[in-house]
């Protein structure tokens, strides 16, 4: 990912992506809940469609309340016309939805650069391995940078 230095209108320095934009990070929050993500199709949550090419810089998750069942989640990207569950995993291990509540966990990103490169028109989201149980709520935070 290339980033260029630029001079802002107020004469300060800044960063610009390769297409001349501001080069700012984009943070996407994907909440999960045992009430909403109950079973079947509800175990897959499709997030936003990227309007431009982005690079994944970090993924974190936090359980506000731990799930009562032993379940995990996987953050994925998928191009248009591809089911999210068939998409590419963005990290090395799964998110433990039974992990300690109120403790942010930083996930290890995939070491394959192409896995972290999200094309315009693709989307990100998550897949939960099974029913979270009666309790459990939290969120995933994906930090992206314009490519």
Foldseek 3Di string as FASTA:
>chain_A
DDKDWDQDPVRDIAIADPVGHRFDKDKDKFKDWLVQCAFDPSQWDWDDAAQAKKFWDWKKKFKQAAFPDFKWKFKFKDAPPDDRVPGATFADDTHTSRPDHPDMDITHTDPDRVRRIHGHRMTMIMGMPGRRHDGIIIMMMIMITGD
